[in-house]
Protein backbone atom coordinates (compact mmCIF):
# COMPACT_ATOMS: atom_id res chain seq x y z
CA UNK A 1 0.00 0.00 0.00
CA UNK A 2 1.30 3.42 -0.91
CA UNK A 3 1.03 5.99 1.88
CA UNK A 4 1.65 9.68 2.23
CA UNK A 5 3.44 10.39 5.50
CA UNK A 6 3.17 13.77 7.21
CA UNK A 7 6.06 14.44 9.59
CA UNK A 8 5.47 16.87 12.46
CA UNK A 9 8.20 18.31 14.66
CA UNK A 10 7.54 16.97 18.15
CA UNK A 11 4.64 15.03 19.58
CA UNK A 12 1.10 15.75 18.48
CA UNK A 13 -0.93 16.54 21.59
CA UNK A 14 -4.35 16.84 19.89
CA UNK A 15 -6.62 14.20 18.42
CA UNK A 16 -7.47 14.88 14.78
CA UNK A 17 -9.83 11.91 14.43
CA UNK A 18 -12.92 14.03 15.15
CA UNK A 19 -12.23 16.27 12.16
CA UNK A 20 -10.56 13.91 9.66
CA UNK A 21 -11.34 10.39 10.83
CA UNK A 22 -8.94 7.74 12.15
CA UNK A 23 -5.29 8.23 11.22
CA UNK A 24 -2.26 6.00 11.34
CA UNK A 25 0.13 7.61 13.80
CA UNK A 26 3.53 6.75 15.20
CA UNK A 27 6.36 8.44 17.06
CA UNK A 28 9.74 8.43 15.36
CA UNK A 29 12.92 10.10 16.67
CA UNK A 30 11.05 12.83 18.54
CA UNK A 31 8.61 13.49 15.69
CA UNK A 32 5.04 12.43 15.06
CA UNK A 33 4.38 10.73 11.72
CA UNK A 34 0.81 10.63 10.43
CA UNK A 35 -0.01 8.37 7.48
CA UNK A 36 -2.88 8.58 5.00
CA UNK A 37 -3.54 6.56 1.84
CA UNK A 38 -1.73 8.16 -1.11
CA UNK A 39 -4.66 7.08 -3.29
CA UNK A 40 -6.95 9.65 -1.60
CA UNK A 41 -5.59 13.20 -1.95
CA UNK A 42 -8.75 14.61 -0.35
CA UNK A 43 -7.85 13.02 2.99
CA UNK A 44 -4.33 14.43 2.76
CA UNK A 45 -5.76 17.89 2.10
CA UNK A 46 -8.13 17.58 5.09
CA UNK A 47 -5.30 16.57 7.43
CA UNK A 48 -3.03 19.39 6.23
CA UNK A 49 -5.88 21.89 6.59
CA UNK A 50 -6.64 20.68 10.13
CA UNK A 51 -2.98 20.94 11.11
CA UNK A 52 -2.74 24.45 9.66
CA UNK A 53 -5.90 25.58 11.46
CA UNK A 54 -4.36 24.39 14.74
CA UNK A 55 -1.06 26.14 14.02
CA UNK A 56 0.85 22.85 13.88
CA UNK A 57 3.86 22.97 11.57
CA UNK A 58 4.62 20.22 9.09
CA UNK A 59 8.30 19.29 8.81
CA UNK A 60 7.95 17.09 5.71
CA UNK A 61 5.62 15.05 3.56
CA UNK A 62 6.69 11.95 1.68
CA UNK A 63 5.22 9.02 -0.21
CA UNK A 64 6.31 5.54 0.87
CA UNK A 65 5.45 1.92 0.24
CA UNK A 66 4.07 0.33 3.38
CA UNK A 67 4.40 -3.46 3.20
CA UNK A 68 3.35 -4.13 6.79
CA UNK A 69 -0.27 -4.60 7.88
CA UNK A 70 -1.79 -1.25 8.73
CA UNK A 71 -2.63 -0.54 12.34
CA UNK A 72 -5.01 2.30 13.06
CA UNK A 73 -4.60 3.65 16.56
CA UNK A 74 -7.76 4.92 18.20
CA UNK A 75 -7.78 8.61 19.07
C-alpha atoms as a PDB file:
ATOM      1  CA  UNK A   1       0.000   0.000   0.000  1.00  0.00           C
ATOM      2  CA  UNK A   2       1.304   3.417  -0.905  1.00  0.00           C
ATOM      3  CA  UNK A   3       1.033   5.994   1.884  1.00  0.00           C
ATOM      4  CA  UNK A   4       1.647   9.676   2.233  1.00  0.00           C
ATOM      5  CA  UNK A   5       3.438  10.394   5.501  1.00  0.00           C
ATOM      6  CA  UNK A   6       3.172  13.770   7.209  1.00  0.00           C
ATOM      7  CA  UNK A   7       6.063  14.445   9.587  1.00  0.00           C
ATOM      8  CA  UNK A   8       5.474  16.868  12.461  1.00  0.00           C
ATOM      9  CA  UNK A   9       8.199  18.310  14.663  1.00  0.00           C
ATOM     10  CA  UNK A  10       7.536  16.975  18.152  1.00  0.00           C
ATOM     11  CA  UNK A  11       4.641  15.025  19.585  1.00  0.00           C
ATOM     12  CA  UNK A  12       1.098  15.746  18.479  1.00  0.00           C
ATOM     13  CA  UNK A  13      -0.935  16.542  21.589  1.00  0.00           C
ATOM     14  CA  UNK A  14      -4.351  16.835  19.891  1.00  0.00           C
ATOM     15  CA  UNK A  15      -6.620  14.195  18.419  1.00  0.00           C
ATOM     16  CA  UNK A  16      -7.472  14.877  14.780  1.00  0.00           C
ATOM     17  CA  UNK A  17      -9.830  11.906  14.433  1.00  0.00           C
ATOM     18  CA  UNK A  18     -12.917  14.032  15.145  1.00  0.00           C
ATOM     19  CA  UNK A  19     -12.231  16.269  12.160  1.00  0.00           C
ATOM     20  CA  UNK A  20     -10.559  13.915   9.662  1.00  0.00           C
ATOM     21  CA  UNK A  21     -11.343  10.388  10.832  1.00  0.00           C
ATOM     22  CA  UNK A  22      -8.944   7.744  12.146  1.00  0.00           C
ATOM     23  CA  UNK A  23      -5.286   8.234  11.225  1.00  0.00           C
ATOM     24  CA  UNK A  24      -2.260   5.999  11.339  1.00  0.00           C
ATOM     25  CA  UNK A  25       0.127   7.606  13.795  1.00  0.00           C
ATOM     26  CA  UNK A  26       3.532   6.750  15.199  1.00  0.00           C
ATOM     27  CA  UNK A  27       6.363   8.435  17.064  1.00  0.00           C
ATOM     28  CA  UNK A  28       9.741   8.430  15.359  1.00  0.00           C
ATOM     29  CA  UNK A  29      12.921  10.102  16.669  1.00  0.00           C
ATOM     30  CA  UNK A  30      11.054  12.828  18.544  1.00  0.00           C
ATOM     31  CA  UNK A  31       8.612  13.490  15.695  1.00  0.00           C
ATOM     32  CA  UNK A  32       5.038  12.429  15.062  1.00  0.00           C
ATOM     33  CA  UNK A  33       4.377  10.734  11.720  1.00  0.00           C
ATOM     34  CA  UNK A  34       0.814  10.632  10.425  1.00  0.00           C
ATOM     35  CA  UNK A  35      -0.010   8.372   7.477  1.00  0.00           C
ATOM     36  CA  UNK A  36      -2.880   8.578   5.001  1.00  0.00           C
ATOM     37  CA  UNK A  37      -3.538   6.555   1.836  1.00  0.00           C
ATOM     38  CA  UNK A  38      -1.733   8.159  -1.106  1.00  0.00           C
ATOM     39  CA  UNK A  39      -4.656   7.083  -3.292  1.00  0.00           C
ATOM     40  CA  UNK A  40      -6.951   9.646  -1.602  1.00  0.00           C
ATOM     41  CA  UNK A  41      -5.587  13.196  -1.950  1.00  0.00           C
ATOM     42  CA  UNK A  42      -8.754  14.612  -0.351  1.00  0.00           C
ATOM     43  CA  UNK A  43      -7.849  13.018   2.994  1.00  0.00           C
ATOM     44  CA  UNK A  44      -4.327  14.431   2.763  1.00  0.00           C
ATOM     45  CA  UNK A  45      -5.764  17.891   2.095  1.00  0.00           C
ATOM     46  CA  UNK A  46      -8.127  17.575   5.092  1.00  0.00           C
ATOM     47  CA  UNK A  47      -5.298  16.567   7.430  1.00  0.00           C
ATOM     48  CA  UNK A  48      -3.030  19.390   6.230  1.00  0.00           C
ATOM     49  CA  UNK A  49      -5.881  21.891   6.591  1.00  0.00           C
ATOM     50  CA  UNK A  50      -6.642  20.676  10.127  1.00  0.00           C
ATOM     51  CA  UNK A  51      -2.976  20.942  11.113  1.00  0.00           C
ATOM     52  CA  UNK A  52      -2.740  24.447   9.660  1.00  0.00           C
ATOM     53  CA  UNK A  53      -5.902  25.583  11.462  1.00  0.00           C
ATOM     54  CA  UNK A  54      -4.363  24.388  14.743  1.00  0.00           C
ATOM     55  CA  UNK A  55      -1.057  26.144  14.020  1.00  0.00           C
ATOM     56  CA  UNK A  56       0.851  22.849  13.881  1.00  0.00           C
ATOM     57  CA  UNK A  57       3.860  22.969  11.571  1.00  0.00           C
ATOM     58  CA  UNK A  58       4.619  20.225   9.091  1.00  0.00           C
ATOM     59  CA  UNK A  59       8.297  19.293   8.806  1.00  0.00           C
ATOM     60  CA  UNK A  60       7.953  17.092   5.706  1.00  0.00           C
ATOM     61  CA  UNK A  61       5.618  15.046   3.564  1.00  0.00           C
ATOM     62  CA  UNK A  62       6.687  11.947   1.681  1.00  0.00           C
ATOM     63  CA  UNK A  63       5.219   9.017  -0.208  1.00  0.00           C
ATOM     64  CA  UNK A  64       6.313   5.544   0.868  1.00  0.00           C
ATOM     65  CA  UNK A  65       5.454   1.921   0.237  1.00  0.00           C
ATOM     66  CA  UNK A  66       4.069   0.334   3.381  1.00  0.00           C
ATOM     67  CA  UNK A  67       4.395  -3.457   3.196  1.00  0.00           C
ATOM     68  CA  UNK A  68       3.350  -4.125   6.789  1.00  0.00           C
ATOM     69  CA  UNK A  69      -0.268  -4.601   7.882  1.00  0.00           C
ATOM     70  CA  UNK A  70      -1.792  -1.246   8.726  1.00  0.00           C
ATOM     71  CA  UNK A  71      -2.630  -0.541  12.342  1.00  0.00           C
ATOM     72  CA  UNK A  72      -5.007   2.304  13.055  1.00  0.00           C
ATOM     73  CA  UNK A  73      -4.598   3.649  16.558  1.00  0.00           C
ATOM     74  CA  UNK A  74      -7.763   4.919  18.200  1.00  0.00           C
ATOM     75  CA  UNK A  75      -7.779   8.611  19.067  1.00  0.00           C
END
